[in-house]
Amino acid sequence: MNNFVEITLYLYTTLTTFDFDFSLSTLKYIITILITFTVCTALFFSCAKWKDPKPYTDPRLTNPYCNDPAAVNYNWGFPGKPDSTVCFYPNSLFIGNYTYHDTVYNDTLLVGIDSFTINISIAGNSKTKMILTGFCGAGIYLTGLPGYQATIDTIIGDTATFNQGQVFCSAGSGDTVFGYITKDRLDSPAVLHFYVQVAADTGTTSHFGSAILKQ
């Protein structure tokens, strides 16, 4: 009886161990196959033939822009394609016929109010030079700047001269005029603002006014 029990326990232990070893070996085999399959699949797709993507053109690179440093709109719209036909220049901002409304001060004292027609035209073939007529008997020479501003040219005197600028109205008067004109970029594009001073033997008078473009 004791031998039977011993034989039974031996067989049970042996079969149990065999089944466990068999299952573990099978699992290792299956995992090895799966890993091998995954690696082979990744290598297959990584070695697929490269296809070039469809060509793409950035629409900004075809946008025309002004490439002239003398122009008001220099480099507006960059990057793109340089195109001189879209350029506009300082004196083109000011040319035209205007109704000018003037107020004149001697220091802080108001000494005059007036309204009259003035004209601003291009001087020769320049992109910046202009002539203002109607303000007084003689024309006043101006230089347009890209920042929507025009200054009265200094023709007489230099930085050491107190009354520099250019002769005002007539050569014999001895008066000189200097100052500048500005233009609103967005708010009032048809209006010019004047800041002009006239130096004479009797003192300096200041002209503050606005000029409205005639239709």
C-alpha atoms as a PDB file:
ATOM      1  CA  MET A   1       0.000   0.000   0.000  1.00  0.00           C
ATOM      2  CA  ASN A   2       2.784   2.372   0.848  1.00  0.00           C
ATOM      3  CA  ASN A   3       4.498   1.639  -2.495  1.00  0.00           C
ATOM      4  CA  PHE A   4       1.306   2.506  -4.389  1.00  0.00           C
ATOM      5  CA  VAL A   5       1.064   5.868  -2.708  1.00  0.00           C
ATOM      6  CA  GLU A   6       4.695   6.635  -3.418  1.00  0.00           C
ATOM      7  CA  ILE A   7       4.313   5.688  -7.103  1.00  0.00           C
ATOM      8  CA  THR A   8       1.164   7.810  -7.423  1.00  0.00           C
ATOM      9  CA  LEU A   9       2.858  10.879  -5.898  1.00  0.00           C
ATOM     10  CA  TYR A  10       5.872  10.434  -8.157  1.00  0.00           C
ATOM     11  CA  LEU A  11       3.751  10.264 -11.320  1.00  0.00           C
ATOM     12  CA  TYR A  12       1.688  13.299 -10.285  1.00  0.00           C
ATOM     13  CA  THR A  13       4.793  15.361  -9.596  1.00  0.00           C
ATOM     14  CA  THR A  14       6.427  14.345 -12.875  1.00  0.00           C
ATOM     15  CA  LEU A  15       3.365  15.124 -15.038  1.00  0.00           C
ATOM     16  CA  THR A  16       2.764  18.454 -13.370  1.00  0.00           C
ATOM     17  CA  THR A  17       6.336  19.522 -13.934  1.00  0.00           C
ATOM     18  CA  PHE A  18       6.223  18.367 -17.545  1.00  0.00           C
ATOM     19  CA  ASP A  19       3.043  20.333 -18.303  1.00  0.00           C
ATOM     20  CA  PHE A  20       4.474  23.502 -16.741  1.00  0.00           C
ATOM     21  CA  ASP A  21       7.731  23.230 -18.685  1.00  0.00           C
ATOM     22  CA  PHE A  22       5.836  22.559 -21.873  1.00  0.00           C
ATOM     23  CA  SER A  23       3.526  25.601 -21.440  1.00  0.00           C
ATOM     24  CA  LEU A  24       6.423  27.956 -20.621  1.00  0.00           C
ATOM     25  CA  SER A  25       8.409  26.807 -23.645  1.00  0.00           C
ATOM     26  CA  THR A  26       5.397  27.241 -25.900  1.00  0.00           C
ATOM     27  CA  LEU A  27       4.805  30.784 -24.601  1.00  0.00           C
ATOM     28  CA  LYS A  28       8.432  31.725 -25.199  1.00  0.00           C
ATOM     29  CA  TYR A  29       8.198  30.345 -28.715  1.00  0.00           C
ATOM     30  CA  ILE A  30       5.051  32.335 -29.513  1.00  0.00           C
ATOM     31  CA  ILE A  31       6.552  35.579 -28.135  1.00  0.00           C
ATOM     32  CA  THR A  32       9.695  35.048 -30.207  1.00  0.00           C
ATOM     33  CA  ILE A  33       7.611  34.606 -33.360  1.00  0.00           C
ATOM     34  CA  LEU A  34       5.590  37.760 -32.651  1.00  0.00           C
ATOM     35  CA  ILE A  35       8.695  39.874 -32.048  1.00  0.00           C
ATOM     36  CA  THR A  36      10.332  38.562 -35.213  1.00  0.00           C
ATOM     37  CA  PHE A  37       7.174  39.309 -37.245  1.00  0.00           C
ATOM     38  CA  THR A  38       6.939  42.859 -35.863  1.00  0.00           C
ATOM     39  CA  VAL A  39      10.573  43.621 -36.656  1.00  0.00           C
ATOM     40  CA  CYS A  40      10.273  42.237 -40.189  1.00  0.00           C
ATOM     41  CA  THR A  41       7.112  44.268 -40.834  1.00  0.00           C
ATOM     42  CA  ALA A  42       8.772  47.498 -39.634  1.00  0.00           C
ATOM     43  CA  LEU A  43      11.803  46.853 -41.829  1.00  0.00           C
ATOM     44  CA  PHE A  44       9.590  46.168 -44.829  1.00  0.00           C
ATOM     45  CA  PHE A  45       7.675  49.429 -44.573  1.00  0.00           C
ATOM     46  CA  SER A  46      10.793  51.455 -43.759  1.00  0.00           C
ATOM     47  CA  CYS A  47      12.396  50.232 -46.949  1.00  0.00           C
ATOM     48  CA  ALA A  48       9.398  51.268 -49.111  1.00  0.00           C
ATOM     49  CA  LYS A  49      10.225  53.510 -52.102  1.00  0.00           C
ATOM     50  CA  TRP A  50      10.255  57.294 -51.310  1.00  0.00           C
ATOM     51  CA  LYS A  51       7.703  59.418 -53.113  1.00  0.00           C
ATOM     52  CA  ASP A  52       8.334  63.152 -53.536  1.00  0.00           C
ATOM     53  CA  PRO A  53       5.563  65.352 -52.068  1.00  0.00           C
ATOM     54  CA  LYS A  54       3.489  67.472 -54.387  1.00  0.00           C
ATOM     55  CA  PRO A  55       5.188  70.794 -55.232  1.00  0.00           C
ATOM     56  CA  TYR A  56       3.990  73.802 -53.186  1.00  0.00           C
ATOM     57  CA  THR A  57       4.438  77.484 -53.973  1.00  0.00           C
ATOM     58  CA  ASP A  58       4.011  79.947 -51.126  1.00  0.00           C
ATOM     59  CA  PRO A  59       1.521  82.574 -52.430  1.00  0.00           C
ATOM     60  CA  ARG A  60       3.432  85.300 -50.544  1.00  0.00           C
ATOM     61  CA  LEU A  61       6.403  84.848 -52.868  1.00  0.00           C
ATOM     62  CA  THR A  62       4.360  86.015 -55.877  1.00  0.00           C
ATOM     63  CA  ASN A  63       2.984  89.110 -54.130  1.00  0.00           C
ATOM     64  CA  PRO A  64       4.276  92.279 -55.888  1.00  0.00           C
ATOM     65  CA  TYR A  65       6.042  94.765 -53.635  1.00  0.00           C
ATOM     66  CA  CYS A  66       8.036  97.991 -54.102  1.00  0.00           C
ATOM     67  CA  ASN A  67      11.806  97.574 -53.822  1.00  0.00           C
ATOM     68  CA  ASP A  68      12.816 101.236 -54.329  1.00  0.00           C
ATOM     69  CA  PRO A  69      14.213 102.843 -51.113  1.00  0.00           C
ATOM     70  CA  ALA A  70      13.095 106.292 -52.343  1.00  0.00           C
ATOM     71  CA  ALA A  71       9.434 105.226 -52.413  1.00  0.00           C
ATOM     72  CA  VAL A  72       6.937 105.744 -49.612  1.00  0.00           C
ATOM     73  CA  ASN A  73       5.882 102.085 -49.756  1.00  0.00           C
ATOM     74  CA  TYR A  74       9.399 100.658 -49.878  1.00  0.00           C
ATOM     75  CA  ASN A  75       9.312  96.965 -48.891  1.00  0.00           C
ATOM     76  CA  TRP A  76       5.588  97.027 -48.111  1.00  0.00           C
ATOM     77  CA  GLY A  77       4.284  93.504 -48.717  1.00  0.00           C
ATOM     78  CA  PHE A  78       7.698  91.818 -48.482  1.00  0.00           C
ATOM     79  CA  PRO A  79       8.440  88.943 -49.089  1.00  0.00           C
ATOM     80  CA  GLY A  80       7.268  88.701 -52.650  1.00  0.00           C
ATOM     81  CA  LYS A  81       8.171  89.706 -56.179  1.00  0.00           C
ATOM     82  CA  PRO A  82       9.806  93.146 -56.736  1.00  0.00           C
ATOM     83  CA  ASP A  83       7.589  95.290 -58.959  1.00  0.00           C
ATOM     84  CA  SER A  84       8.320  99.000 -59.555  1.00  0.00           C
ATOM     85  CA  THR A  85       4.794  99.623 -60.891  1.00  0.00           C
ATOM     86  CA  VAL A  86       3.367  99.458 -57.366  1.00  0.00           C
ATOM     87  CA  CYS A  87       5.756 102.130 -56.003  1.00  0.00           C
ATOM     88  CA  PHE A  88       4.530 105.595 -55.089  1.00  0.00           C
ATOM     89  CA  TYR A  89       6.749 108.491 -54.081  1.00  0.00           C
ATOM     90  CA  PRO A  90       6.644 111.326 -51.520  1.00  0.00           C
ATOM     91  CA  ASN A  91       5.661 114.159 -53.863  1.00  0.00           C
ATOM     92  CA  SER A  92       2.722 112.162 -55.258  1.00  0.00           C
ATOM     93  CA  LEU A  93       1.117 112.426 -51.813  1.00  0.00           C
ATOM     94  CA  PHE A  94       0.906 116.227 -51.969  1.00  0.00           C
ATOM     95  CA  ILE A  95       0.284 117.318 -55.562  1.00  0.00           C
ATOM     96  CA  GLY A  96      -3.040 118.974 -56.352  1.00  0.00           C
ATOM     97  CA  ASN A  97      -5.152 122.089 -55.886  1.00  0.00           C
ATOM     98  CA  TYR A  98      -6.251 122.925 -52.357  1.00  0.00           C
ATOM     99  CA  THR A  99      -8.344 125.408 -50.444  1.00  0.00           C
ATOM    100  CA  TYR A 100      -6.054 126.638 -47.708  1.00  0.00           C
ATOM    101  CA  HIS A 101      -7.375 128.023 -44.401  1.00  0.00           C
ATOM    102  CA  ASP A 102      -4.699 130.075 -42.662  1.00  0.00           C
ATOM    103  CA  THR A 103      -4.348 131.475 -39.166  1.00  0.00           C
ATOM    104  CA  VAL A 104      -1.409 133.783 -38.394  1.00  0.00           C
ATOM    105  CA  TYR A 105       0.112 134.393 -34.981  1.00  0.00           C
ATOM    106  CA  ASN A 106       2.722 136.842 -33.743  1.00  0.00           C
ATOM    107  CA  ASP A 107       4.014 134.921 -30.779  1.00  0.00           C
ATOM    108  CA  THR A 108       0.706 133.975 -29.085  1.00  0.00           C
ATOM    109  CA  LEU A 109      -1.292 136.909 -30.534  1.00  0.00           C
ATOM    110  CA  LEU A 110      -3.670 136.102 -33.398  1.00  0.00           C
ATOM    111  CA  VAL A 111      -3.017 138.643 -36.140  1.00  0.00           C
ATOM    112  CA  GLY A 112      -4.872 137.260 -39.159  1.00  0.00           C
ATOM    113  CA  ILE A 113      -7.226 134.673 -40.650  1.00  0.00           C
ATOM    114  CA  ASP A 114      -7.562 134.015 -44.376  1.00  0.00           C
ATOM    115  CA  SER A 115      -8.580 131.415 -46.978  1.00  0.00           C
ATOM    116  CA  PHE A 116      -7.278 131.048 -50.518  1.00  0.00           C
ATOM    117  CA  THR A 117      -6.344 128.522 -53.204  1.00  0.00           C
ATOM    118  CA  ILE A 118      -2.898 126.975 -53.356  1.00  0.00           C
ATOM    119  CA  ASN A 119      -1.314 124.516 -55.761  1.00  0.00           C
ATOM    120  CA  ILE A 120       1.407 121.916 -55.208  1.00  0.00           C
ATOM    121  CA  SER A 121       3.112 120.484 -58.295  1.00  0.00           C
ATOM    122  CA  ILE A 122       6.060 118.214 -59.009  1.00  0.00           C
ATOM    123  CA  ALA A 123       9.344 119.977 -59.758  1.00  0.00           C
ATOM    124  CA  GLY A 124      10.760 118.481 -62.959  1.00  0.00           C
ATOM    125  CA  ASN A 125      11.068 114.700 -62.979  1.00  0.00           C
ATOM    126  CA  SER A 126      11.899 114.456 -59.298  1.00  0.00           C
ATOM    127  CA  LYS A 127      10.313 111.906 -56.992  1.00  0.00           C
ATOM    128  CA  THR A 128      10.603 114.189 -53.964  1.00  0.00           C
ATOM    129  CA  LYS A 129      10.815 117.865 -55.062  1.00  0.00           C
ATOM    130  CA  MET A 130       7.718 120.098 -55.301  1.00  0.00           C
ATOM    131  CA  ILE A 131       6.716 123.722 -55.812  1.00  0.00           C
ATOM    132  CA  LEU A 132       4.020 125.389 -53.701  1.00  0.00           C
ATOM    133  CA  THR A 133       2.321 128.375 -55.355  1.00  0.00           C
ATOM    134  CA  GLY A 134      -0.445 130.637 -54.132  1.00  0.00           C
ATOM    135  CA  PHE A 135       0.899 131.040 -50.610  1.00  0.00           C
ATOM    136  CA  CYS A 136       2.620 134.240 -51.665  1.00  0.00           C
ATOM    137  CA  GLY A 137       3.914 135.833 -54.877  1.00  0.00           C
ATOM    138  CA  ALA A 138       6.830 133.461 -55.455  1.00  0.00           C
ATOM    139  CA  GLY A 139       6.853 129.690 -55.432  1.00  0.00           C
ATOM    140  CA  ILE A 140       8.041 127.862 -52.316  1.00  0.00           C
ATOM    141  CA  TYR A 141      10.222 124.804 -52.877  1.00  0.00           C
ATOM    142  CA  LEU A 142       9.465 121.678 -50.861  1.00  0.00           C
ATOM    143  CA  THR A 143      11.000 118.237 -50.421  1.00  0.00           C
ATOM    144  CA  GLY A 144       8.719 115.279 -49.751  1.00  0.00           C
ATOM    145  CA  LEU A 145       9.741 112.626 -47.245  1.00  0.00           C
ATOM    146  CA  PRO A 146       8.562 108.992 -47.062  1.00  0.00           C
ATOM    147  CA  GLY A 147       6.889 109.606 -43.696  1.00  0.00           C
ATOM    148  CA  TYR A 148       3.977 111.636 -45.178  1.00  0.00           C
ATOM    149  CA  GLN A 149       5.786 114.904 -44.561  1.00  0.00           C
ATOM    150  CA  ALA A 150       7.217 117.676 -46.739  1.00  0.00           C
ATOM    151  CA  THR A 151       9.715 120.279 -45.567  1.00  0.00           C
ATOM    152  CA  ILE A 152      10.387 123.749 -46.949  1.00  0.00           C
ATOM    153  CA  ASP A 153      13.849 123.656 -48.528  1.00  0.00           C
ATOM    154  CA  THR A 154      16.653 125.633 -46.967  1.00  0.00           C
ATOM    155  CA  ILE A 155      18.068 127.634 -49.874  1.00  0.00           C
ATOM    156  CA  ILE A 156      19.673 130.496 -47.968  1.00  0.00           C
ATOM    157  CA  GLY A 157      21.648 130.309 -44.770  1.00  0.00           C
ATOM    158  CA  ASP A 158      22.898 127.250 -42.942  1.00  0.00           C
ATOM    159  CA  THR A 159      22.665 125.765 -39.473  1.00  0.00           C
ATOM    160  CA  ALA A 160      24.559 128.786 -38.103  1.00  0.00           C
ATOM    161  CA  THR A 161      22.088 131.254 -39.679  1.00  0.00           C
ATOM    162  CA  PHE A 162      19.191 132.316 -37.486  1.00  0.00           C
ATOM    163  CA  ASN A 163      16.745 133.051 -40.319  1.00  0.00           C
ATOM    164  CA  GLN A 164      17.440 130.161 -42.669  1.00  0.00           C
ATOM    165  CA  GLY A 165      14.994 128.779 -45.233  1.00  0.00           C
ATOM    166  CA  GLN A 166      14.173 130.578 -48.481  1.00  0.00           C
ATOM    167  CA  VAL A 167      13.048 134.004 -49.576  1.00  0.00           C
ATOM    168  CA  PHE A 168       9.385 134.626 -48.828  1.00  0.00           C
ATOM    169  CA  CYS A 169       7.248 136.376 -51.467  1.00  0.00           C
ATOM    170  CA  SER A 170       9.808 138.783 -52.986  1.00  0.00           C
ATOM    171  CA  ALA A 171      13.581 138.960 -53.058  1.00  0.00           C
ATOM    172  CA  GLY A 172      13.689 142.537 -51.803  1.00  0.00           C
ATOM    173  CA  SER A 173      11.721 141.942 -48.639  1.00  0.00           C
ATOM    174  CA  GLY A 174      14.471 140.126 -46.765  1.00  0.00           C
ATOM    175  CA  ASP A 175      11.876 137.793 -45.238  1.00  0.00           C
ATOM    176  CA  THR A 176      12.534 134.070 -45.103  1.00  0.00           C
ATOM    177  CA  VAL A 177      10.123 131.158 -44.735  1.00  0.00           C
ATOM    178  CA  PHE A 178      10.674 127.725 -43.239  1.00  0.00           C
ATOM    179  CA  GLY A 179       8.535 124.924 -41.846  1.00  0.00           C
ATOM    180  CA  TYR A 180       6.832 121.741 -42.946  1.00  0.00           C
ATOM    181  CA  ILE A 181       3.597 120.140 -44.121  1.00  0.00           C
ATOM    182  CA  THR A 182       2.121 116.848 -42.940  1.00  0.00           C
ATOM    183  CA  LYS A 183      -0.582 114.614 -44.312  1.00  0.00           C
ATOM    184  CA  ASP A 184      -2.848 112.229 -42.443  1.00  0.00           C
ATOM    185  CA  ARG A 185      -2.250 108.677 -43.578  1.00  0.00           C
ATOM    186  CA  LEU A 186      -5.683 107.272 -42.691  1.00  0.00           C
ATOM    187  CA  ASP A 187      -7.964 109.722 -40.875  1.00  0.00           C
ATOM    188  CA  SER A 188      -8.044 112.578 -43.420  1.00  0.00           C
ATOM    189  CA  PRO A 189      -6.044 111.645 -46.529  1.00  0.00           C
ATOM    190  CA  ALA A 190      -7.340 114.717 -48.442  1.00  0.00           C
ATOM    191  CA  VAL A 191      -6.147 117.246 -45.833  1.00  0.00           C
ATOM    192  CA  LEU A 192      -2.701 118.810 -45.422  1.00  0.00           C
ATOM    193  CA  HIS A 193      -1.560 120.459 -42.203  1.00  0.00           C
ATOM    194  CA  PHE A 194       0.784 123.476 -42.410  1.00  0.00           C
ATOM    195  CA  TYR A 195       3.318 124.611 -39.810  1.00  0.00           C
ATOM    196  CA  VAL A 196       5.110 127.571 -41.393  1.00  0.00           C
ATOM    197  CA  GLN A 197       7.110 130.442 -39.940  1.00  0.00           C
ATOM    198  CA  VAL A 198       8.082 133.675 -41.653  1.00  0.00           C
ATOM    199  CA  ALA A 199      11.060 135.586 -40.270  1.00  0.00           C
ATOM    200  CA  ALA A 200      11.192 139.344 -40.905  1.00  0.00           C
ATOM    201  CA  ASP A 201      12.955 142.368 -39.471  1.00  0.00           C
ATOM    202  CA  THR A 202       9.901 143.059 -37.351  1.00  0.00           C
ATOM    203  CA  GLY A 203       9.771 139.561 -35.864  1.00  0.00           C
ATOM    204  CA  THR A 204       8.579 136.045 -36.649  1.00  0.00           C
ATOM    205  CA  THR A 205       5.027 135.171 -37.537  1.00  0.00           C
ATOM    206  CA  SER A 206       3.662 131.632 -37.435  1.00  0.00           C
ATOM    207  CA  HIS A 207       1.150 130.221 -39.918  1.00  0.00           C
ATOM    208  CA  PHE A 208      -0.965 127.264 -38.783  1.00  0.00           C
ATOM    209  CA  GLY A 209      -3.455 126.059 -41.313  1.00  0.00           C
ATOM    210  CA  SER A 210      -5.091 123.201 -43.147  1.00  0.00           C
ATOM    211  CA  ALA A 211      -5.490 122.675 -46.870  1.00  0.00           C
ATOM    212  CA  ILE A 212      -8.383 120.629 -48.238  1.00  0.00           C
ATOM    213  CA  LEU A 213      -8.000 118.974 -51.639  1.00  0.00           C
ATOM    214  CA  LYS A 214     -10.400 120.286 -54.261  1.00  0.00           C
ATOM    215  CA  GLN A 215     -12.506 117.706 -56.070  1.00  0.00           C
END
